[in-house]
Amino acid sequence: MAATTTDIPAMAAMKGPSVTDKRGRRSLAPRRFTQGYSRFVHIVKFLLPVGAVVLLALVALWPQFAPDDLRFRIGFAAIKAGLSGDPSMVNPRYVGTDQEEQPYAVTAELARSLSEGTAKVELDMPKADITLDDGTWLVLTAETGVFARAEKTLDLQGAVNLYHDSGYEFRTESAAIDLAKGSAVGNVPVAGQGPFGNLEAQGFRLVDKGKTIYFTGKSKLTLFSGGKKATQ
């Protein structure tokens, strides 16, 4: 019995330290996690403002990093377009009304002032759209032209093409257009076609916005009637 009584405290002494150590380790783990998380939060609070400042600096300085050769090409194109000394316009559009308050529009790929103090401009690939009082329209195109804004006139040169809403089309090399009166004149050979047939002449006069067209000089008209051709 005496031997049994002395063994029980010994066993308790052996188990005591291990339980205490185990509890100690469990109590330290949450503290270490809290300390590490706090350091992470402090680092993030520092890095976020720094990153924002760097991003704003990049946005402000980005135009300075654009390639120099691109800026040179843009400047060179602008200088080439304005060799005459006057500013040039790309894709200009001029609008106005004729004597009957019907609208018209003149557009082009490029416009250049002819001389200082005048309202005349030289046009590349001009196009004139004329609206008629009955709702139809007339379109004239050419390779080059001179538009007088004050006089409302347009002189066309090179591959002049006239197209009417009714379906007829005429081609010539030069024509003078009076946008205010809705008239046009050409004194060089003209060829045309339409629902009526084919036509060739040495000149033409267009009045009343194309409602009436006179062909001048030696002319040849081929009419289509009932599927047959009649030449005059």
C-alpha atoms as a PDB file:
ATOM      1  CA  MET A   1       0.000   0.000   0.000  1.00  0.00           C
ATOM      2  CA  ALA A   2       2.861   2.382   0.778  1.00  0.00           C
ATOM      3  CA  ALA A   3       4.397   1.754  -2.622  1.00  0.00           C
ATOM      4  CA  THR A   4       1.122   2.502  -4.359  1.00  0.00           C
ATOM      5  CA  THR A   5       0.683   5.806  -2.528  1.00  0.00           C
ATOM      6  CA  THR A   6       4.084   7.147  -3.575  1.00  0.00           C
ATOM      7  CA  ASP A   7       3.583   6.233  -7.307  1.00  0.00           C
ATOM      8  CA  ILE A   8       0.521   8.460  -7.871  1.00  0.00           C
ATOM      9  CA  PRO A   9       2.242  11.836  -7.175  1.00  0.00           C
ATOM     10  CA  ALA A  10       5.150  10.775  -9.347  1.00  0.00           C
ATOM     11  CA  MET A  11       2.882  10.153 -12.304  1.00  0.00           C
ATOM     12  CA  ALA A  12       1.166  13.473 -11.792  1.00  0.00           C
ATOM     13  CA  ALA A  13       4.526  15.174 -11.766  1.00  0.00           C
ATOM     14  CA  MET A  14       5.442  13.560 -15.038  1.00  0.00           C
ATOM     15  CA  LYS A  15       2.237  14.648 -16.776  1.00  0.00           C
ATOM     16  CA  GLY A  16       2.084  18.165 -15.366  1.00  0.00           C
ATOM     17  CA  PRO A  17       4.836  19.853 -17.370  1.00  0.00           C
ATOM     18  CA  SER A  18       3.622  18.455 -20.740  1.00  0.00           C
ATOM     19  CA  VAL A  19       0.087  19.808 -20.248  1.00  0.00           C
ATOM     20  CA  THR A  20       1.427  23.198 -19.246  1.00  0.00           C
ATOM     21  CA  ASP A  21       3.695  23.385 -22.327  1.00  0.00           C
ATOM     22  CA  LYS A  22       0.891  22.432 -24.626  1.00  0.00           C
ATOM     23  CA  ARG A  23      -1.369  25.165 -23.240  1.00  0.00           C
ATOM     24  CA  GLY A  24       1.459  27.688 -23.580  1.00  0.00           C
ATOM     25  CA  ARG A  25       1.868  26.988 -27.257  1.00  0.00           C
ATOM     26  CA  ARG A  26      -1.846  27.337 -27.887  1.00  0.00           C
ATOM     27  CA  SER A  27      -1.999  30.714 -26.185  1.00  0.00           C
ATOM     28  CA  LEU A  28       0.952  32.179 -28.217  1.00  0.00           C
ATOM     29  CA  ALA A  29      -0.364  31.246 -31.736  1.00  0.00           C
ATOM     30  CA  PRO A  30      -3.194  33.861 -31.908  1.00  0.00           C
ATOM     31  CA  ARG A  31      -0.784  36.566 -30.749  1.00  0.00           C
ATOM     32  CA  ARG A  32       1.693  35.801 -33.525  1.00  0.00           C
ATOM     33  CA  PHE A  33      -1.115  35.838 -36.149  1.00  0.00           C
ATOM     34  CA  THR A  34      -2.390  39.217 -34.890  1.00  0.00           C
ATOM     35  CA  GLN A  35       1.077  40.740 -34.998  1.00  0.00           C
ATOM     36  CA  GLY A  36       1.667  39.499 -38.588  1.00  0.00           C
ATOM     37  CA  TYR A  37      -1.708  40.790 -39.799  1.00  0.00           C
ATOM     38  CA  SER A  38      -1.024  44.206 -38.257  1.00  0.00           C
ATOM     39  CA  ARG A  39       2.301  44.452 -40.115  1.00  0.00           C
ATOM     40  CA  PHE A  40       0.531  43.487 -43.381  1.00  0.00           C
ATOM     41  CA  VAL A  41      -2.114  46.205 -42.877  1.00  0.00           C
ATOM     42  CA  HIS A  42       0.568  48.846 -42.212  1.00  0.00           C
ATOM     43  CA  ILE A  43       2.452  47.844 -45.382  1.00  0.00           C
ATOM     44  CA  VAL A  44      -0.707  47.981 -47.523  1.00  0.00           C
ATOM     45  CA  LYS A  45      -1.622  51.406 -46.111  1.00  0.00           C
ATOM     46  CA  PHE A  46       1.803  52.644 -47.172  1.00  0.00           C
ATOM     47  CA  LEU A  47       1.859  51.046 -50.638  1.00  0.00           C
ATOM     48  CA  LEU A  48      -1.624  52.161 -51.767  1.00  0.00           C
ATOM     49  CA  PRO A  49      -0.924  55.942 -51.679  1.00  0.00           C
ATOM     50  CA  VAL A  50       2.478  55.388 -53.295  1.00  0.00           C
ATOM     51  CA  GLY A  51       0.876  53.357 -56.110  1.00  0.00           C
ATOM     52  CA  ALA A  52      -1.763  56.033 -56.652  1.00  0.00           C
ATOM     53  CA  VAL A  53       0.896  58.760 -56.953  1.00  0.00           C
ATOM     54  CA  VAL A  54       2.884  56.660 -59.453  1.00  0.00           C
ATOM     55  CA  LEU A  55      -0.241  56.003 -61.562  1.00  0.00           C
ATOM     56  CA  LEU A  56      -1.144  59.705 -61.691  1.00  0.00           C
ATOM     57  CA  ALA A  57       2.420  60.555 -62.700  1.00  0.00           C
ATOM     58  CA  LEU A  58       2.292  58.038 -65.569  1.00  0.00           C
ATOM     59  CA  VAL A  59      -1.000  59.466 -66.841  1.00  0.00           C
ATOM     60  CA  ALA A  60       0.410  63.005 -66.763  1.00  0.00           C
ATOM     61  CA  LEU A  61       3.689  62.078 -68.473  1.00  0.00           C
ATOM     62  CA  TRP A  62       2.292  59.594 -71.040  1.00  0.00           C
ATOM     63  CA  PRO A  63       2.039  62.157 -73.913  1.00  0.00           C
ATOM     64  CA  GLN A  64       5.784  62.782 -73.494  1.00  0.00           C
ATOM     65  CA  PHE A  65       6.467  59.129 -74.272  1.00  0.00           C
ATOM     66  CA  ALA A  66       4.663  59.260 -77.681  1.00  0.00           C
ATOM     67  CA  PRO A  67       6.943  58.425 -80.640  1.00  0.00           C
ATOM     68  CA  ASP A  68       8.615  61.483 -82.106  1.00  0.00           C
ATOM     69  CA  ASP A  69       8.241  60.185 -85.666  1.00  0.00           C
ATOM     70  CA  LEU A  70       4.408  60.245 -85.378  1.00  0.00           C
ATOM     71  CA  ARG A  71       4.400  63.906 -84.346  1.00  0.00           C
ATOM     72  CA  PHE A  72       6.723  64.666 -87.249  1.00  0.00           C
ATOM     73  CA  ARG A  73       4.460  63.014 -89.823  1.00  0.00           C
ATOM     74  CA  ILE A  74       1.433  64.969 -88.606  1.00  0.00           C
ATOM     75  CA  GLY A  75       3.297  68.271 -88.745  1.00  0.00           C
ATOM     76  CA  PHE A  76       4.741  67.506 -92.163  1.00  0.00           C
ATOM     77  CA  ALA A  77       1.291  66.764 -93.604  1.00  0.00           C
ATOM     78  CA  ALA A  78      -0.069  70.067 -92.278  1.00  0.00           C
ATOM     79  CA  ILE A  79       2.845  72.015 -93.809  1.00  0.00           C
ATOM     80  CA  LYS A  80       2.475  70.267 -97.155  1.00  0.00           C
ATOM     81  CA  ALA A  81      -1.243  71.101 -97.297  1.00  0.00           C
ATOM     82  CA  GLY A  82      -0.578  74.779 -96.615  1.00  0.00           C
ATOM     83  CA  LEU A  83       2.303  75.548 -98.968  1.00  0.00           C
ATOM     84  CA  SER A  84       0.357  78.494-100.444  1.00  0.00           C
ATOM     85  CA  GLY A  85       0.669  80.359 -97.148  1.00  0.00           C
ATOM     86  CA  ASP A  86      -3.040  80.175 -96.349  1.00  0.00           C
ATOM     87  CA  PRO A  87      -4.577  77.588 -94.053  1.00  0.00           C
ATOM     88  CA  SER A  88      -6.181  74.551 -95.678  1.00  0.00           C
ATOM     89  CA  MET A  89      -9.281  72.682 -94.622  1.00  0.00           C
ATOM     90  CA  VAL A  90      -9.757  68.923 -94.784  1.00  0.00           C
ATOM     91  CA  ASN A  91     -13.249  67.703 -95.732  1.00  0.00           C
ATOM     92  CA  PRO A  92     -14.812  71.189 -95.821  1.00  0.00           C
ATOM     93  CA  ARG A  93     -18.551  71.665 -96.139  1.00  0.00           C
ATOM     94  CA  TYR A  94     -20.249  74.860 -97.352  1.00  0.00           C
ATOM     95  CA  VAL A  95     -24.023  75.238 -97.160  1.00  0.00           C
ATOM     96  CA  GLY A  96     -26.358  77.920 -98.480  1.00  0.00           C
ATOM     97  CA  THR A  97     -29.649  78.628-100.216  1.00  0.00           C
ATOM     98  CA  ASP A  98     -30.491  79.702-103.754  1.00  0.00           C
ATOM     99  CA  GLN A  99     -32.824  82.455-104.930  1.00  0.00           C
ATOM    100  CA  GLU A 100     -35.832  80.289-104.081  1.00  0.00           C
ATOM    101  CA  GLU A 101     -34.531  79.520-100.582  1.00  0.00           C
ATOM    102  CA  GLN A 102     -33.772  75.933-101.573  1.00  0.00           C
ATOM    103  CA  PRO A 103     -30.704  74.483 -99.836  1.00  0.00           C
ATOM    104  CA  TYR A 104     -27.461  73.416-101.471  1.00  0.00           C
ATOM    105  CA  ALA A 105     -24.193  72.046-100.113  1.00  0.00           C
ATOM    106  CA  VAL A 106     -20.642  72.019-101.486  1.00  0.00           C
ATOM    107  CA  THR A 107     -18.149  69.521-100.058  1.00  0.00           C
ATOM    108  CA  ALA A 108     -14.606  68.460-100.974  1.00  0.00           C
ATOM    109  CA  GLU A 109     -11.648  66.458 -99.770  1.00  0.00           C
ATOM    110  CA  LEU A 110      -9.492  69.571 -99.370  1.00  0.00           C
ATOM    111  CA  ALA A 111     -10.006  73.332 -99.648  1.00  0.00           C
ATOM    112  CA  ARG A 112      -7.314  76.025-100.083  1.00  0.00           C
ATOM    113  CA  SER A 113      -7.717  79.800-100.212  1.00  0.00           C
ATOM    114  CA  LEU A 114      -6.708  81.223-103.581  1.00  0.00           C
ATOM    115  CA  SER A 115      -5.557  84.618-102.304  1.00  0.00           C
ATOM    116  CA  GLU A 116      -5.777  86.717 -99.182  1.00  0.00           C
ATOM    117  CA  GLY A 117      -8.806  88.944 -98.880  1.00  0.00           C
ATOM    118  CA  THR A 118     -11.029  86.918-101.242  1.00  0.00           C
ATOM    119  CA  ALA A 119     -13.791  84.433-100.519  1.00  0.00           C
ATOM    120  CA  LYS A 120     -12.712  82.040-103.290  1.00  0.00           C
ATOM    121  CA  VAL A 121     -11.358  78.625-102.406  1.00  0.00           C
ATOM    122  CA  GLU A 122      -9.774  75.920-104.515  1.00  0.00           C
ATOM    123  CA  LEU A 123     -11.307  72.491-103.976  1.00  0.00           C
ATOM    124  CA  ASP A 124      -9.971  68.993-104.504  1.00  0.00           C
ATOM    125  CA  MET A 125     -12.623  66.431-105.487  1.00  0.00           C
ATOM    126  CA  PRO A 126     -15.547  68.864-105.051  1.00  0.00           C
ATOM    127  CA  LYS A 127     -19.164  67.755-104.864  1.00  0.00           C
ATOM    128  CA  ALA A 128     -22.273  69.940-105.097  1.00  0.00           C
ATOM    129  CA  ASP A 129     -25.661  68.716-103.853  1.00  0.00           C
ATOM    130  CA  ILE A 130     -28.628  70.790-105.019  1.00  0.00           C
ATOM    131  CA  THR A 131     -32.153  70.187-103.747  1.00  0.00           C
ATOM    132  CA  LEU A 132     -35.010  70.954-106.129  1.00  0.00           C
ATOM    133  CA  ASP A 133     -38.348  72.436-105.125  1.00  0.00           C
ATOM    134  CA  ASP A 134     -40.180  69.213-106.070  1.00  0.00           C
ATOM    135  CA  GLY A 135     -38.064  67.172-103.644  1.00  0.00           C
ATOM    136  CA  THR A 136     -35.662  65.731-106.227  1.00  0.00           C
ATOM    137  CA  TRP A 137     -31.939  66.504-106.246  1.00  0.00           C
ATOM    138  CA  LEU A 138     -28.996  67.165-108.531  1.00  0.00           C
ATOM    139  CA  VAL A 139     -25.373  66.156-107.854  1.00  0.00           C
ATOM    140  CA  LEU A 140     -22.242  67.459-109.589  1.00  0.00           C
ATOM    141  CA  THR A 141     -18.728  66.121-109.020  1.00  0.00           C
ATOM    142  CA  ALA A 142     -15.299  66.845-110.508  1.00  0.00           C
ATOM    143  CA  GLU A 143     -11.567  66.472-109.910  1.00  0.00           C
ATOM    144  CA  THR A 144     -10.979  70.137-109.027  1.00  0.00           C
ATOM    145  CA  GLY A 145     -13.025  73.284-108.668  1.00  0.00           C
ATOM    146  CA  VAL A 146     -13.102  76.920-107.562  1.00  0.00           C
ATOM    147  CA  PHE A 147     -15.908  77.950-105.243  1.00  0.00           C
ATOM    148  CA  ALA A 148     -16.792  81.644-104.847  1.00  0.00           C
ATOM    149  CA  ARG A 149     -18.760  81.827-101.639  1.00  0.00           C
ATOM    150  CA  ALA A 150     -19.959  85.415-102.052  1.00  0.00           C
ATOM    151  CA  GLU A 151     -21.104  84.942-105.668  1.00  0.00           C
ATOM    152  CA  LYS A 152     -22.343  81.379-105.014  1.00  0.00           C
ATOM    153  CA  THR A 153     -20.626  80.062-108.128  1.00  0.00           C
ATOM    154  CA  LEU A 154     -18.648  76.875-108.687  1.00  0.00           C
ATOM    155  CA  ASP A 155     -16.272  76.283-111.615  1.00  0.00           C
ATOM    156  CA  LEU A 156     -15.536  72.582-112.110  1.00  0.00           C
ATOM    157  CA  GLN A 157     -12.628  71.073-114.064  1.00  0.00           C
ATOM    158  CA  GLY A 158     -11.699  67.511-114.944  1.00  0.00           C
ATOM    159  CA  ALA A 159     -14.048  64.514-115.124  1.00  0.00           C
ATOM    160  CA  VAL A 160     -17.147  66.603-114.435  1.00  0.00           C
ATOM    161  CA  ASN A 161     -20.144  64.384-113.757  1.00  0.00           C
ATOM    162  CA  LEU A 162     -23.748  65.555-113.461  1.00  0.00           C
ATOM    163  CA  TYR A 163     -26.376  63.192-112.073  1.00  0.00           C
ATOM    164  CA  HIS A 164     -30.077  63.953-111.750  1.00  0.00           C
ATOM    165  CA  ASP A 165     -32.508  62.212-109.431  1.00  0.00           C
ATOM    166  CA  SER A 166     -34.687  61.255-112.408  1.00  0.00           C
ATOM    167  CA  GLY A 167     -31.950  58.942-113.707  1.00  0.00           C
ATOM    168  CA  TYR A 168     -30.016  60.831-116.371  1.00  0.00           C
ATOM    169  CA  GLU A 169     -26.256  61.437-116.179  1.00  0.00           C
ATOM    170  CA  PHE A 170     -23.872  63.649-118.185  1.00  0.00           C
ATOM    171  CA  ARG A 171     -20.080  63.711-118.394  1.00  0.00           C
ATOM    172  CA  THR A 172     -17.858  66.546-119.576  1.00  0.00           C
ATOM    173  CA  GLU A 173     -14.493  68.160-118.748  1.00  0.00           C
ATOM    174  CA  SER A 174     -15.555  71.590-117.493  1.00  0.00           C
ATOM    175  CA  ALA A 175     -18.682  73.342-116.294  1.00  0.00           C
ATOM    176  CA  ALA A 176     -19.627  76.628-114.630  1.00  0.00           C
ATOM    177  CA  ILE A 177     -22.330  76.319-111.986  1.00  0.00           C
ATOM    178  CA  ASP A 178     -24.449  79.187-110.653  1.00  0.00           C
ATOM    179  CA  LEU A 179     -25.770  77.835-107.365  1.00  0.00           C
ATOM    180  CA  ALA A 180     -27.964  80.867-106.696  1.00  0.00           C
ATOM    181  CA  LYS A 181     -29.826  80.557-110.005  1.00  0.00           C
ATOM    182  CA  GLY A 182     -29.637  76.783-110.272  1.00  0.00           C
ATOM    183  CA  SER A 183     -28.019  76.871-113.705  1.00  0.00           C
ATOM    184  CA  ALA A 184     -24.930  75.388-115.371  1.00  0.00           C
ATOM    185  CA  VAL A 185     -23.022  75.962-118.608  1.00  0.00           C
ATOM    186  CA  GLY A 186     -20.447  73.852-120.432  1.00  0.00           C
ATOM    187  CA  ASN A 187     -18.690  74.676-123.709  1.00  0.00           C
ATOM    188  CA  VAL A 188     -16.738  71.457-124.255  1.00  0.00           C
ATOM    189  CA  PRO A 189     -17.987  68.101-125.587  1.00  0.00           C
ATOM    190  CA  VAL A 190     -20.543  66.373-123.380  1.00  0.00           C
ATOM    191  CA  ALA A 191     -21.891  62.826-123.382  1.00  0.00           C
ATOM    192  CA  GLY A 192     -24.919  61.623-121.498  1.00  0.00           C
ATOM    193  CA  GLN A 193     -27.334  58.802-120.943  1.00  0.00           C
ATOM    194  CA  GLY A 194     -30.627  58.215-119.245  1.00  0.00           C
ATOM    195  CA  PRO A 195     -34.047  56.635-119.581  1.00  0.00           C
ATOM    196  CA  PHE A 196     -34.562  58.550-122.833  1.00  0.00           C
ATOM    197  CA  GLY A 197     -31.411  57.158-124.502  1.00  0.00           C
ATOM    198  CA  ASN A 198     -27.853  58.347-125.249  1.00  0.00           C
ATOM    199  CA  LEU A 199     -26.668  61.824-126.239  1.00  0.00           C
ATOM    200  CA  GLU A 200     -23.503  63.518-127.496  1.00  0.00           C
ATOM    201  CA  ALA A 201     -23.060  67.263-128.007  1.00  0.00           C
ATOM    202  CA  GLN A 202     -20.436  70.017-128.138  1.00  0.00           C
ATOM    203  CA  GLY A 203     -21.833  71.874-125.128  1.00  0.00           C
ATOM    204  CA  PHE A 204     -24.849  72.295-122.865  1.00  0.00           C
ATOM    205  CA  ARG A 205     -26.882  74.774-120.857  1.00  0.00           C
ATOM    206  CA  LEU A 206     -28.825  73.673-117.802  1.00  0.00           C
ATOM    207  CA  VAL A 207     -31.535  75.940-116.410  1.00  0.00           C
ATOM    208  CA  ASP A 208     -34.081  75.759-113.625  1.00  0.00           C
ATOM    209  CA  LYS A 209     -31.967  73.233-111.707  1.00  0.00           C
ATOM    210  CA  GLY A 210     -32.000  70.684-114.477  1.00  0.00           C
ATOM    211  CA  LYS A 211     -35.659  70.823-115.418  1.00  0.00           C
ATOM    212  CA  THR A 212     -34.564  72.021-118.838  1.00  0.00           C
ATOM    213  CA  ILE A 213     -31.254  71.228-120.595  1.00  0.00           C
ATOM    214  CA  TYR A 214     -30.164  72.715-123.927  1.00  0.00           C
ATOM    215  CA  PHE A 215     -27.433  70.983-125.960  1.00  0.00           C
ATOM    216  CA  THR A 216     -25.362  73.192-128.207  1.00  0.00           C
ATOM    217  CA  GLY A 217     -23.254  72.604-131.303  1.00  0.00           C
ATOM    218  CA  LYS A 218     -23.347  69.442-133.316  1.00  0.00           C
ATOM    219  CA  SER A 219     -25.407  66.942-131.347  1.00  0.00           C
ATOM    220  CA  LYS A 220     -26.381  63.299-131.687  1.00  0.00           C
ATOM    221  CA  LEU A 221     -29.302  61.806-129.791  1.00  0.00           C
ATOM    222  CA  THR A 222     -30.247  58.143-129.715  1.00  0.00           C
ATOM    223  CA  LEU A 223     -33.744  57.612-128.341  1.00  0.00           C
ATOM    224  CA  PHE A 224     -35.108  54.364-126.942  1.00  0.00           C
ATOM    225  CA  SER A 225     -38.745  53.750-127.719  1.00  0.00           C
ATOM    226  CA  GLY A 226     -40.460  50.374-127.456  1.00  0.00           C
ATOM    227  CA  GLY A 227     -37.127  48.537-127.389  1.00  0.00           C
ATOM    228  CA  LYS A 228     -35.988  50.130-130.685  1.00  0.00           C
ATOM    229  CA  LYS A 229     -33.374  52.779-131.294  1.00  0.00           C
ATOM    230  CA  ALA A 230     -34.114  55.941-133.226  1.00  0.00           C
ATOM    231  CA  THR A 231     -31.097  58.122-134.086  1.00  0.00           C
ATOM    232  CA  GLN A 232     -31.340  61.842-134.804  1.00  0.00           C
END
